[in-house]
């Protein structure tokens, strides 16, 4: 990452929600062509990296909150009758206590269907709160961009522009991400090229013999998925290494009749290495996740 706390779109989406749909059900129940539903499945997988379900969900809500006030996040997603994403909204606040200060990371993102693609806007603010309760803004970042599709309607790339302000200095960055598929039509790789230092990256996606995502991996982030014996997603483990190492273990506790998780728990471990005295700091947090679905 170029600056402590700066967040790319992909990282935010990975942190924000678990969201999926089944193109077979959409095609059968809503008079959508199988081709259209499959294209929608591919595009939504780019947004969320999740698995198909045997249902036709129209709306989703998610709420994450930890008892120690470390994290709180709310997300809302809306689909059309064929499973195409119409809107995604997510807000997230993370508060980390370091010595006598509280570091606050605040994210907001919105994605809207627009013409043949999608437009998105993201804002980020990094601040600290001292022991007297004074909020000091360290930096801000605004990003706007769009997802573009090919002639068949599948997303092929995204383009974004961001503006960051740090210590009164305003910086502008541009980036492009290309999405590649394998011979089965699954997302296999995304390549991001950015003018923002250390923001360029490539992410690879790996599947099992049942075409289920089992891992995605980039230079800084690895996420692995596990499944129950009857095929439901049981959880995931994500390790992110920037100026800290954060390990997030998500475990589903309850599912609805379609196999979607309705209640989950999250255990978060943050490791901050101290190169001076070799005394590392470890912070642990526990959060509850609730999901709601509208069919």
C-alpha atoms as a PDB file:
ATOM      1  CA  UNK A   1       0.000   0.000   0.000  1.00  0.00           C
ATOM      2  CA  UNK A   2       1.270   3.494  -0.807  1.00  0.00           C
ATOM      3  CA  UNK A   3       0.128   5.156   2.407  1.00  0.00           C
ATOM      4  CA  UNK A   4      -0.969   3.692   5.748  1.00  0.00           C
ATOM      5  CA  UNK A   5      -4.690   3.028   5.588  1.00  0.00           C
ATOM      6  CA  UNK A   6      -5.228   3.770   1.901  1.00  0.00           C
ATOM      7  CA  UNK A   7      -7.741   1.276   0.546  1.00  0.00           C
ATOM      8  CA  UNK A   8      -8.212   0.049  -3.008  1.00  0.00           C
ATOM      9  CA  UNK A   9     -11.650  -0.818  -4.345  1.00  0.00           C
ATOM     10  CA  UNK A  10     -10.916  -4.528  -4.449  1.00  0.00           C
ATOM     11  CA  UNK A  11      -9.720  -4.642  -0.851  1.00  0.00           C
ATOM     12  CA  UNK A  12     -12.840  -2.823   0.317  1.00  0.00           C
ATOM     13  CA  UNK A  13     -15.137  -5.196  -1.520  1.00  0.00           C
ATOM     14  CA  UNK A  14     -13.363  -8.207  -0.092  1.00  0.00           C
ATOM     15  CA  UNK A  15     -13.829  -6.795   3.376  1.00  0.00           C
ATOM     16  CA  UNK A  16     -17.371  -5.610   2.875  1.00  0.00           C
ATOM     17  CA  UNK A  17     -19.738  -8.525   2.257  1.00  0.00           C
ATOM     18  CA  UNK A  18     -20.411 -12.039   1.104  1.00  0.00           C
ATOM     19  CA  UNK A  19     -22.907 -11.948  -1.736  1.00  0.00           C
ATOM     20  CA  UNK A  20     -23.937 -14.620  -4.253  1.00  0.00           C
ATOM     21  CA  UNK A  21     -26.671 -15.933  -6.518  1.00  0.00           C
ATOM     22  CA  UNK A  22     -27.555 -18.878  -8.743  1.00  0.00           C
ATOM     23  CA  UNK A  23     -27.840 -18.255 -12.465  1.00  0.00           C
ATOM     24  CA  UNK A  24     -29.659 -21.606 -12.984  1.00  0.00           C
ATOM     25  CA  UNK A  25     -32.524 -20.536 -10.718  1.00  0.00           C
ATOM     26  CA  UNK A  26     -32.760 -17.043 -12.203  1.00  0.00           C
ATOM     27  CA  UNK A  27     -32.921 -18.518 -15.693  1.00  0.00           C
ATOM     28  CA  UNK A  28     -35.637 -20.987 -14.748  1.00  0.00           C
ATOM     29  CA  UNK A  29     -37.872 -18.868 -12.519  1.00  0.00           C
ATOM     30  CA  UNK A  30     -37.786 -15.467 -14.200  1.00  0.00           C
ATOM     31  CA  UNK A  31     -37.763 -16.264 -17.938  1.00  0.00           C
ATOM     32  CA  UNK A  32     -34.162 -15.126 -18.244  1.00  0.00           C
ATOM     33  CA  UNK A  33     -32.008 -16.739 -20.876  1.00  0.00           C
ATOM     34  CA  UNK A  34     -29.341 -19.066 -19.527  1.00  0.00           C
ATOM     35  CA  UNK A  35     -26.714 -16.949 -21.275  1.00  0.00           C
ATOM     36  CA  UNK A  36     -27.906 -13.730 -19.617  1.00  0.00           C
ATOM     37  CA  UNK A  37     -28.053 -15.340 -16.192  1.00  0.00           C
ATOM     38  CA  UNK A  38     -24.578 -16.848 -16.618  1.00  0.00           C
ATOM     39  CA  UNK A  39     -23.141 -13.456 -17.609  1.00  0.00           C
ATOM     40  CA  UNK A  40     -24.735 -11.898 -14.533  1.00  0.00           C
ATOM     41  CA  UNK A  41     -23.178 -14.661 -12.428  1.00  0.00           C
ATOM     42  CA  UNK A  42     -19.722 -13.927 -13.826  1.00  0.00           C
ATOM     43  CA  UNK A  43     -20.066 -10.176 -13.290  1.00  0.00           C
ATOM     44  CA  UNK A  44     -21.323 -10.523  -9.725  1.00  0.00           C
ATOM     45  CA  UNK A  45     -18.491 -12.897  -8.927  1.00  0.00           C
ATOM     46  CA  UNK A  46     -16.091 -10.069  -9.815  1.00  0.00           C
ATOM     47  CA  UNK A  47     -17.831  -7.883  -7.240  1.00  0.00           C
ATOM     48  CA  UNK A  48     -17.915 -10.445  -4.432  1.00  0.00           C
ATOM     49  CA  UNK A  49     -15.929 -13.674  -5.114  1.00  0.00           C
ATOM     50  CA  UNK A  50     -18.694 -15.884  -3.755  1.00  0.00           C
ATOM     51  CA  UNK A  51     -20.510 -19.098  -4.679  1.00  0.00           C
ATOM     52  CA  UNK A  52     -23.887 -19.783  -6.404  1.00  0.00           C
ATOM     53  CA  UNK A  53     -26.996 -20.781  -4.446  1.00  0.00           C
ATOM     54  CA  UNK A  54     -30.205 -22.542  -5.375  1.00  0.00           C
ATOM     55  CA  UNK A  55     -32.381 -19.442  -5.001  1.00  0.00           C
ATOM     56  CA  UNK A  56     -33.207 -16.105  -6.631  1.00  0.00           C
ATOM     57  CA  UNK A  57     -32.478 -13.478  -4.001  1.00  0.00           C
ATOM     58  CA  UNK A  58     -33.568  -9.900  -4.751  1.00  0.00           C
ATOM     59  CA  UNK A  59     -32.079  -7.998  -1.811  1.00  0.00           C
ATOM     60  CA  UNK A  60     -29.452  -8.638   0.836  1.00  0.00           C
ATOM     61  CA  UNK A  61     -28.449  -6.855   4.027  1.00  0.00           C
ATOM     62  CA  UNK A  62     -25.447  -7.482   6.230  1.00  0.00           C
ATOM     63  CA  UNK A  63     -24.423  -6.068   9.604  1.00  0.00           C
ATOM     64  CA  UNK A  64     -21.062  -6.621  11.324  1.00  0.00           C
ATOM     65  CA  UNK A  65     -20.353  -5.376  14.839  1.00  0.00           C
ATOM     66  CA  UNK A  66     -17.814  -6.191  17.517  1.00  0.00           C
ATOM     67  CA  UNK A  67     -18.545  -5.795  21.213  1.00  0.00           C
ATOM     68  CA  UNK A  68     -15.351  -3.777  21.761  1.00  0.00           C
ATOM     69  CA  UNK A  69     -16.289  -1.163  19.114  1.00  0.00           C
ATOM     70  CA  UNK A  70     -13.373  -2.220  16.883  1.00  0.00           C
ATOM     71  CA  UNK A  71     -15.503  -2.727  13.775  1.00  0.00           C
ATOM     72  CA  UNK A  72     -18.995  -1.883  12.543  1.00  0.00           C
ATOM     73  CA  UNK A  73     -20.152  -2.347   8.964  1.00  0.00           C
ATOM     74  CA  UNK A  74     -23.460  -2.250   7.094  1.00  0.00           C
ATOM     75  CA  UNK A  75     -24.076  -3.419   3.537  1.00  0.00           C
ATOM     76  CA  UNK A  76     -27.078  -3.500   1.193  1.00  0.00           C
ATOM     77  CA  UNK A  77     -27.294  -5.162  -2.225  1.00  0.00           C
ATOM     78  CA  UNK A  78     -30.124  -5.187  -4.761  1.00  0.00           C
ATOM     79  CA  UNK A  79     -30.545  -7.398  -7.866  1.00  0.00           C
ATOM     80  CA  UNK A  80     -32.963  -7.397 -10.783  1.00  0.00           C
ATOM     81  CA  UNK A  81     -35.140 -10.399 -11.716  1.00  0.00           C
ATOM     82  CA  UNK A  82     -32.299 -12.023 -13.668  1.00  0.00           C
ATOM     83  CA  UNK A  83     -29.688 -11.633 -10.940  1.00  0.00           C
ATOM     84  CA  UNK A  84     -27.939  -8.561 -12.301  1.00  0.00           C
ATOM     85  CA  UNK A  85     -26.519  -6.311  -9.608  1.00  0.00           C
ATOM     86  CA  UNK A  86     -28.388  -2.997  -9.544  1.00  0.00           C
ATOM     87  CA  UNK A  87     -26.889  -1.412  -6.454  1.00  0.00           C
ATOM     88  CA  UNK A  88     -24.367  -2.108  -3.727  1.00  0.00           C
ATOM     89  CA  UNK A  89     -23.838   0.117  -0.696  1.00  0.00           C
ATOM     90  CA  UNK A  90     -21.397  -0.468   2.120  1.00  0.00           C
ATOM     91  CA  UNK A  91     -20.135   1.573   5.052  1.00  0.00           C
ATOM     92  CA  UNK A  92     -17.433   0.447   7.442  1.00  0.00           C
ATOM     93  CA  UNK A  93     -15.675   1.958  10.461  1.00  0.00           C
ATOM     94  CA  UNK A  94     -12.638   0.351  12.112  1.00  0.00           C
ATOM     95  CA  UNK A  95     -11.222   1.773  15.360  1.00  0.00           C
ATOM     96  CA  UNK A  96      -7.777   0.611  16.469  1.00  0.00           C
ATOM     97  CA  UNK A  97      -6.351   1.614  19.833  1.00  0.00           C
ATOM     98  CA  UNK A  98      -2.598   2.256  19.663  1.00  0.00           C
ATOM     99  CA  UNK A  99      -1.068   3.461  22.940  1.00  0.00           C
ATOM    100  CA  UNK A 100      -3.058   6.554  23.992  1.00  0.00           C
ATOM    101  CA  UNK A 101      -4.671   7.191  20.615  1.00  0.00           C
ATOM    102  CA  UNK A 102      -7.513   5.638  18.657  1.00  0.00           C
ATOM    103  CA  UNK A 103      -6.916   5.304  14.908  1.00  0.00           C
ATOM    104  CA  UNK A 104     -10.167   5.472  12.917  1.00  0.00           C
ATOM    105  CA  UNK A 105     -10.565   4.128   9.364  1.00  0.00           C
ATOM    106  CA  UNK A 106     -13.910   5.074   7.788  1.00  0.00           C
ATOM    107  CA  UNK A 107     -14.978   3.691   4.383  1.00  0.00           C
ATOM    108  CA  UNK A 108     -18.045   4.250   2.215  1.00  0.00           C
ATOM    109  CA  UNK A 109     -18.687   2.734  -1.199  1.00  0.00           C
ATOM    110  CA  UNK A 110     -21.587   2.710  -3.637  1.00  0.00           C
ATOM    111  CA  UNK A 111     -21.917   0.822  -6.930  1.00  0.00           C
ATOM    112  CA  UNK A 112     -24.791   1.532  -9.333  1.00  0.00           C
ATOM    113  CA  UNK A 113     -25.807  -0.081 -12.608  1.00  0.00           C
ATOM    114  CA  UNK A 114     -25.373   2.522 -15.337  1.00  0.00           C
ATOM    115  CA  UNK A 115     -26.029   1.929 -19.044  1.00  0.00           C
ATOM    116  CA  UNK A 116     -23.901  -1.059 -20.112  1.00  0.00           C
ATOM    117  CA  UNK A 117     -21.655  -1.014 -17.056  1.00  0.00           C
ATOM    118  CA  UNK A 118     -21.480   0.047 -13.422  1.00  0.00           C
ATOM    119  CA  UNK A 119     -20.307   3.258 -11.775  1.00  0.00           C
ATOM    120  CA  UNK A 120     -18.756   3.338  -8.332  1.00  0.00           C
ATOM    121  CA  UNK A 121     -17.724   5.924  -5.768  1.00  0.00           C
ATOM    122  CA  UNK A 122     -15.644   5.362  -2.674  1.00  0.00           C
ATOM    123  CA  UNK A 123     -14.544   7.645   0.157  1.00  0.00           C
ATOM    124  CA  UNK A 124     -11.985   6.921   2.852  1.00  0.00           C
ATOM    125  CA  UNK A 125     -10.891   8.904   5.900  1.00  0.00           C
ATOM    126  CA  UNK A 126      -8.043   8.139   8.289  1.00  0.00           C
ATOM    127  CA  UNK A 127      -7.979  10.023  11.574  1.00  0.00           C
ATOM    128  CA  UNK A 128      -6.835   9.685  15.157  1.00  0.00           C
ATOM    129  CA  UNK A 129      -8.585  10.581  18.388  1.00  0.00           C
ATOM    130  CA  UNK A 130      -6.367  11.606  21.296  1.00  0.00           C
ATOM    131  CA  UNK A 131      -7.079  11.049  24.988  1.00  0.00           C
ATOM    132  CA  UNK A 132      -8.956  14.377  25.113  1.00  0.00           C
ATOM    133  CA  UNK A 133     -11.375  13.239  22.387  1.00  0.00           C
ATOM    134  CA  UNK A 134      -9.957  15.519  19.692  1.00  0.00           C
ATOM    135  CA  UNK A 135     -10.379  14.077  16.169  1.00  0.00           C
ATOM    136  CA  UNK A 136      -7.387  14.833  13.938  1.00  0.00           C
ATOM    137  CA  UNK A 137      -7.779  14.000  10.229  1.00  0.00           C
ATOM    138  CA  UNK A 138      -4.599  12.416   8.897  1.00  0.00           C
ATOM    139  CA  UNK A 139      -5.677  11.809   5.321  1.00  0.00           C
ATOM    140  CA  UNK A 140      -8.659  11.464   3.015  1.00  0.00           C
ATOM    141  CA  UNK A 141      -9.178   9.711  -0.297  1.00  0.00           C
ATOM    142  CA  UNK A 142     -11.948   9.866  -2.894  1.00  0.00           C
ATOM    143  CA  UNK A 143     -12.276   7.404  -5.746  1.00  0.00           C
ATOM    144  CA  UNK A 144     -14.673   7.212  -8.679  1.00  0.00           C
ATOM    145  CA  UNK A 145     -14.658   4.722 -11.486  1.00  0.00           C
ATOM    146  CA  UNK A 146     -16.561   2.361 -13.737  1.00  0.00           C
ATOM    147  CA  UNK A 147     -16.762  -1.304 -14.672  1.00  0.00           C
ATOM    148  CA  UNK A 148     -16.818  -1.830 -18.451  1.00  0.00           C
ATOM    149  CA  UNK A 149     -18.184  -4.818 -20.368  1.00  0.00           C
ATOM    150  CA  UNK A 150     -17.404  -6.469 -23.686  1.00  0.00           C
ATOM    151  CA  UNK A 151     -19.894  -7.086 -26.490  1.00  0.00           C
ATOM    152  CA  UNK A 152     -21.346 -10.107 -24.688  1.00  0.00           C
ATOM    153  CA  UNK A 153     -22.028  -8.109 -21.512  1.00  0.00           C
ATOM    154  CA  UNK A 154     -19.278  -9.645 -19.366  1.00  0.00           C
ATOM    155  CA  UNK A 155     -17.076  -7.277 -17.400  1.00  0.00           C
ATOM    156  CA  UNK A 156     -13.635  -7.023 -18.960  1.00  0.00           C
ATOM    157  CA  UNK A 157     -12.051  -4.184 -16.999  1.00  0.00           C
ATOM    158  CA  UNK A 158     -12.512  -1.352 -14.528  1.00  0.00           C
ATOM    159  CA  UNK A 159     -11.068   2.153 -14.579  1.00  0.00           C
ATOM    160  CA  UNK A 160     -10.809   4.490 -11.604  1.00  0.00           C
ATOM    161  CA  UNK A 161      -9.404   7.848 -10.569  1.00  0.00           C
ATOM    162  CA  UNK A 162      -8.658   8.764  -6.973  1.00  0.00           C
ATOM    163  CA  UNK A 163      -7.607  11.874  -5.085  1.00  0.00           C
ATOM    164  CA  UNK A 164      -5.755  11.605  -1.778  1.00  0.00           C
ATOM    165  CA  UNK A 165      -4.921  14.419   0.621  1.00  0.00           C
ATOM    166  CA  UNK A 166      -2.119  13.904   3.146  1.00  0.00           C
ATOM    167  CA  UNK A 167      -0.568  16.675   5.262  1.00  0.00           C
ATOM    168  CA  UNK A 168      -2.156  19.269   2.989  1.00  0.00           C
ATOM    169  CA  UNK A 169      -0.718  17.705  -0.166  1.00  0.00           C
ATOM    170  CA  UNK A 170      -3.256  16.624  -2.803  1.00  0.00           C
ATOM    171  CA  UNK A 171      -2.359  13.672  -5.020  1.00  0.00           C
ATOM    172  CA  UNK A 172      -4.119  12.188  -8.048  1.00  0.00           C
ATOM    173  CA  UNK A 173      -3.911   8.551  -9.139  1.00  0.00           C
ATOM    174  CA  UNK A 174      -5.354   6.513 -11.999  1.00  0.00           C
ATOM    175  CA  UNK A 175      -5.702   2.752 -12.318  1.00  0.00           C
ATOM    176  CA  UNK A 176      -7.034   0.075 -14.644  1.00  0.00           C
ATOM    177  CA  UNK A 177      -7.918  -3.505 -13.719  1.00  0.00           C
ATOM    178  CA  UNK A 178      -8.422  -6.238 -16.326  1.00  0.00           C
ATOM    179  CA  UNK A 179     -10.381  -9.417 -15.614  1.00  0.00           C
ATOM    180  CA  UNK A 180      -9.502 -12.731 -17.281  1.00  0.00           C
ATOM    181  CA  UNK A 181     -11.445 -16.001 -17.425  1.00  0.00           C
ATOM    182  CA  UNK A 182     -10.351 -19.624 -17.827  1.00  0.00           C
ATOM    183  CA  UNK A 183     -11.569 -22.223 -20.338  1.00  0.00           C
ATOM    184  CA  UNK A 184     -14.609 -22.917 -18.115  1.00  0.00           C
ATOM    185  CA  UNK A 185     -15.646 -19.271 -18.107  1.00  0.00           C
ATOM    186  CA  UNK A 186     -14.647 -18.730 -14.470  1.00  0.00           C
ATOM    187  CA  UNK A 187     -12.791 -15.674 -13.257  1.00  0.00           C
ATOM    188  CA  UNK A 188      -9.154 -16.769 -13.169  1.00  0.00           C
ATOM    189  CA  UNK A 189      -7.109 -13.602 -12.780  1.00  0.00           C
ATOM    190  CA  UNK A 190      -7.332  -9.849 -12.325  1.00  0.00           C
ATOM    191  CA  UNK A 191      -4.442  -7.546 -13.231  1.00  0.00           C
ATOM    192  CA  UNK A 192      -4.350  -4.032 -11.775  1.00  0.00           C
ATOM    193  CA  UNK A 193      -1.998  -1.332 -13.071  1.00  0.00           C
ATOM    194  CA  UNK A 194      -1.949   1.908 -11.085  1.00  0.00           C
ATOM    195  CA  UNK A 195      -0.022   5.168 -10.934  1.00  0.00           C
ATOM    196  CA  UNK A 196      -0.386   4.961  -7.149  1.00  0.00           C
ATOM    197  CA  UNK A 197       2.809   3.454  -5.668  1.00  0.00           C
ATOM    198  CA  UNK A 198       2.423  -0.191  -4.586  1.00  0.00           C
ATOM    199  CA  UNK A 199      -1.220  -0.285  -5.749  1.00  0.00           C
ATOM    200  CA  UNK A 200      -0.504  -2.340  -8.880  1.00  0.00           C
ATOM    201  CA  UNK A 201      -1.161  -6.039  -8.304  1.00  0.00           C
ATOM    202  CA  UNK A 202      -2.492  -9.251  -9.758  1.00  0.00           C
ATOM    203  CA  UNK A 203      -4.923 -11.647  -8.108  1.00  0.00           C
ATOM    204  CA  UNK A 204      -5.386 -15.303  -9.005  1.00  0.00           C
ATOM    205  CA  UNK A 205      -8.446 -17.464  -8.292  1.00  0.00           C
ATOM    206  CA  UNK A 206      -8.356 -21.209  -7.590  1.00  0.00           C
ATOM    207  CA  UNK A 207     -11.239 -23.725  -7.664  1.00  0.00           C
ATOM    208  CA  UNK A 208     -11.843 -27.307  -6.574  1.00  0.00           C
ATOM    209  CA  UNK A 209     -13.191 -30.134  -8.751  1.00  0.00           C
ATOM    210  CA  UNK A 210     -16.746 -28.937  -8.006  1.00  0.00           C
ATOM    211  CA  UNK A 211     -15.976 -25.476  -9.448  1.00  0.00           C
ATOM    212  CA  UNK A 212     -16.107 -23.898  -5.987  1.00  0.00           C
ATOM    213  CA  UNK A 213     -13.732 -21.087  -5.135  1.00  0.00           C
ATOM    214  CA  UNK A 214     -11.187 -22.342  -2.609  1.00  0.00           C
ATOM    215  CA  UNK A 215      -8.614 -19.538  -2.677  1.00  0.00           C
ATOM    216  CA  UNK A 216      -7.841 -16.116  -4.082  1.00  0.00           C
ATOM    217  CA  UNK A 217      -4.355 -14.754  -3.748  1.00  0.00           C
ATOM    218  CA  UNK A 218      -2.483 -11.519  -4.415  1.00  0.00           C
ATOM    219  CA  UNK A 219       0.841 -10.155  -3.205  1.00  0.00           C
ATOM    220  CA  UNK A 220      -0.705  -8.765  -0.024  1.00  0.00           C
ATOM    221  CA  UNK A 221      -3.872 -10.809   0.558  1.00  0.00           C
ATOM    222  CA  UNK A 222      -4.766 -14.494   0.639  1.00  0.00           C
ATOM    223  CA  UNK A 223      -8.278 -15.764   1.338  1.00  0.00           C
ATOM    224  CA  UNK A 224      -9.236 -19.440   1.616  1.00  0.00           C
ATOM    225  CA  UNK A 225     -12.763 -20.886   1.710  1.00  0.00           C
ATOM    226  CA  UNK A 226     -14.039 -24.063   3.354  1.00  0.00           C
ATOM    227  CA  UNK A 227     -17.280 -26.034   2.898  1.00  0.00           C
ATOM    228  CA  UNK A 228     -19.460 -28.392   4.895  1.00  0.00           C
ATOM    229  CA  UNK A 229     -20.016 -32.009   3.869  1.00  0.00           C
ATOM    230  CA  UNK A 230     -23.363 -31.074   2.297  1.00  0.00           C
ATOM    231  CA  UNK A 231     -21.805 -28.259   0.246  1.00  0.00           C
ATOM    232  CA  UNK A 232     -22.591 -25.137   2.261  1.00  0.00           C
ATOM    233  CA  UNK A 233     -19.846 -22.579   2.728  1.00  0.00           C
ATOM    234  CA  UNK A 234     -18.654 -22.993   6.308  1.00  0.00           C
ATOM    235  CA  UNK A 235     -16.267 -20.075   6.471  1.00  0.00           C
ATOM    236  CA  UNK A 236     -13.129 -18.356   5.277  1.00  0.00           C
ATOM    237  CA  UNK A 237      -9.707 -17.254   6.452  1.00  0.00           C
ATOM    238  CA  UNK A 238      -8.215 -14.034   5.105  1.00  0.00           C
ATOM    239  CA  UNK A 239      -4.660 -12.865   5.769  1.00  0.00           C
ATOM    240  CA  UNK A 240      -3.741  -9.309   4.753  1.00  0.00           C
ATOM    241  CA  UNK A 241      -0.233  -7.945   5.057  1.00  0.00           C
ATOM    242  CA  UNK A 242       0.328  -4.216   4.703  1.00  0.00           C
ATOM    243  CA  UNK A 243       1.993  -2.216   7.485  1.00  0.00           C
ATOM    244  CA  UNK A 244       0.297  -4.726   9.828  1.00  0.00           C
ATOM    245  CA  UNK A 245      -0.676  -8.373   9.434  1.00  0.00           C
ATOM    246  CA  UNK A 246      -4.406  -8.936   9.869  1.00  0.00           C
ATOM    247  CA  UNK A 247      -5.933 -12.414  10.047  1.00  0.00           C
ATOM    248  CA  UNK A 248      -9.726 -12.656   9.805  1.00  0.00           C
ATOM    249  CA  UNK A 249     -11.439 -16.001  10.410  1.00  0.00           C
ATOM    250  CA  UNK A 250     -15.142 -16.029   9.515  1.00  0.00           C
ATOM    251  CA  UNK A 251     -17.266 -18.988  10.634  1.00  0.00           C
ATOM    252  CA  UNK A 252     -20.904 -19.458   9.650  1.00  0.00           C
ATOM    253  CA  UNK A 253     -23.153 -20.636  12.488  1.00  0.00           C
ATOM    254  CA  UNK A 254     -26.608 -20.721  10.870  1.00  0.00           C
ATOM    255  CA  UNK A 255     -27.976 -21.097   7.320  1.00  0.00           C
ATOM    256  CA  UNK A 256     -31.358 -20.655   5.642  1.00  0.00           C
ATOM    257  CA  UNK A 257     -33.032 -23.391   3.596  1.00  0.00           C
ATOM    258  CA  UNK A 258     -31.113 -22.363   0.472  1.00  0.00           C
ATOM    259  CA  UNK A 259     -27.753 -22.724   2.189  1.00  0.00           C
ATOM    260  CA  UNK A 260     -27.095 -19.016   2.633  1.00  0.00           C
ATOM    261  CA  UNK A 261     -25.428 -18.002   5.870  1.00  0.00           C
ATOM    262  CA  UNK A 262     -27.748 -16.055   8.178  1.00  0.00           C
ATOM    263  CA  UNK A 263     -25.474 -15.717  11.198  1.00  0.00           C
ATOM    264  CA  UNK A 264     -21.689 -15.834  11.426  1.00  0.00           C
ATOM    265  CA  UNK A 265     -18.874 -14.961  13.787  1.00  0.00           C
ATOM    266  CA  UNK A 266     -15.577 -13.300  12.998  1.00  0.00           C
ATOM    267  CA  UNK A 267     -12.301 -13.523  14.897  1.00  0.00           C
ATOM    268  CA  UNK A 268      -9.797 -10.825  13.931  1.00  0.00           C
ATOM    269  CA  UNK A 269      -6.135 -10.794  14.957  1.00  0.00           C
ATOM    270  CA  UNK A 270      -3.962  -7.762  14.189  1.00  0.00           C
ATOM    271  CA  UNK A 271      -0.183  -8.100  14.479  1.00  0.00           C
ATOM    272  CA  UNK A 272       1.961  -4.954  14.616  1.00  0.00           C
ATOM    273  CA  UNK A 273       5.666  -5.701  14.440  1.00  0.00           C
ATOM    274  CA  UNK A 274       8.102  -3.515  16.358  1.00  0.00           C
ATOM    275  CA  UNK A 275      11.501  -3.531  14.702  1.00  0.00           C
ATOM    276  CA  UNK A 276      13.126  -1.407  17.424  1.00  0.00           C
ATOM    277  CA  UNK A 277      12.680  -3.518  20.556  1.00  0.00           C
ATOM    278  CA  UNK A 278      11.344  -6.665  18.841  1.00  0.00           C
ATOM    279  CA  UNK A 279       8.259  -6.593  21.072  1.00  0.00           C
ATOM    280  CA  UNK A 280       5.348  -7.161  18.708  1.00  0.00           C
ATOM    281  CA  UNK A 281       1.830  -6.037  19.597  1.00  0.00           C
ATOM    282  CA  UNK A 282      -1.112  -8.386  19.062  1.00  0.00           C
ATOM    283  CA  UNK A 283      -4.736  -7.226  19.194  1.00  0.00           C
ATOM    284  CA  UNK A 284      -7.676  -9.637  19.066  1.00  0.00           C
ATOM    285  CA  UNK A 285     -11.311  -8.819  18.322  1.00  0.00           C
ATOM    286  CA  UNK A 286     -14.555 -10.768  17.983  1.00  0.00           C
ATOM    287  CA  UNK A 287     -17.483  -9.663  15.806  1.00  0.00           C
ATOM    288  CA  UNK A 288     -20.970 -10.966  15.033  1.00  0.00           C
ATOM    289  CA  UNK A 289     -22.397 -10.935  11.494  1.00  0.00           C
ATOM    290  CA  UNK A 290     -26.113 -11.008  10.639  1.00  0.00           C
ATOM    291  CA  UNK A 291     -27.551 -11.444   7.132  1.00  0.00           C
ATOM    292  CA  UNK A 292     -31.061 -10.737   5.853  1.00  0.00           C
ATOM    293  CA  UNK A 293     -32.464 -11.816   2.463  1.00  0.00           C
ATOM    294  CA  UNK A 294     -35.489 -10.768   0.416  1.00  0.00           C
ATOM    295  CA  UNK A 295     -36.769 -13.140  -2.282  1.00  0.00           C
END
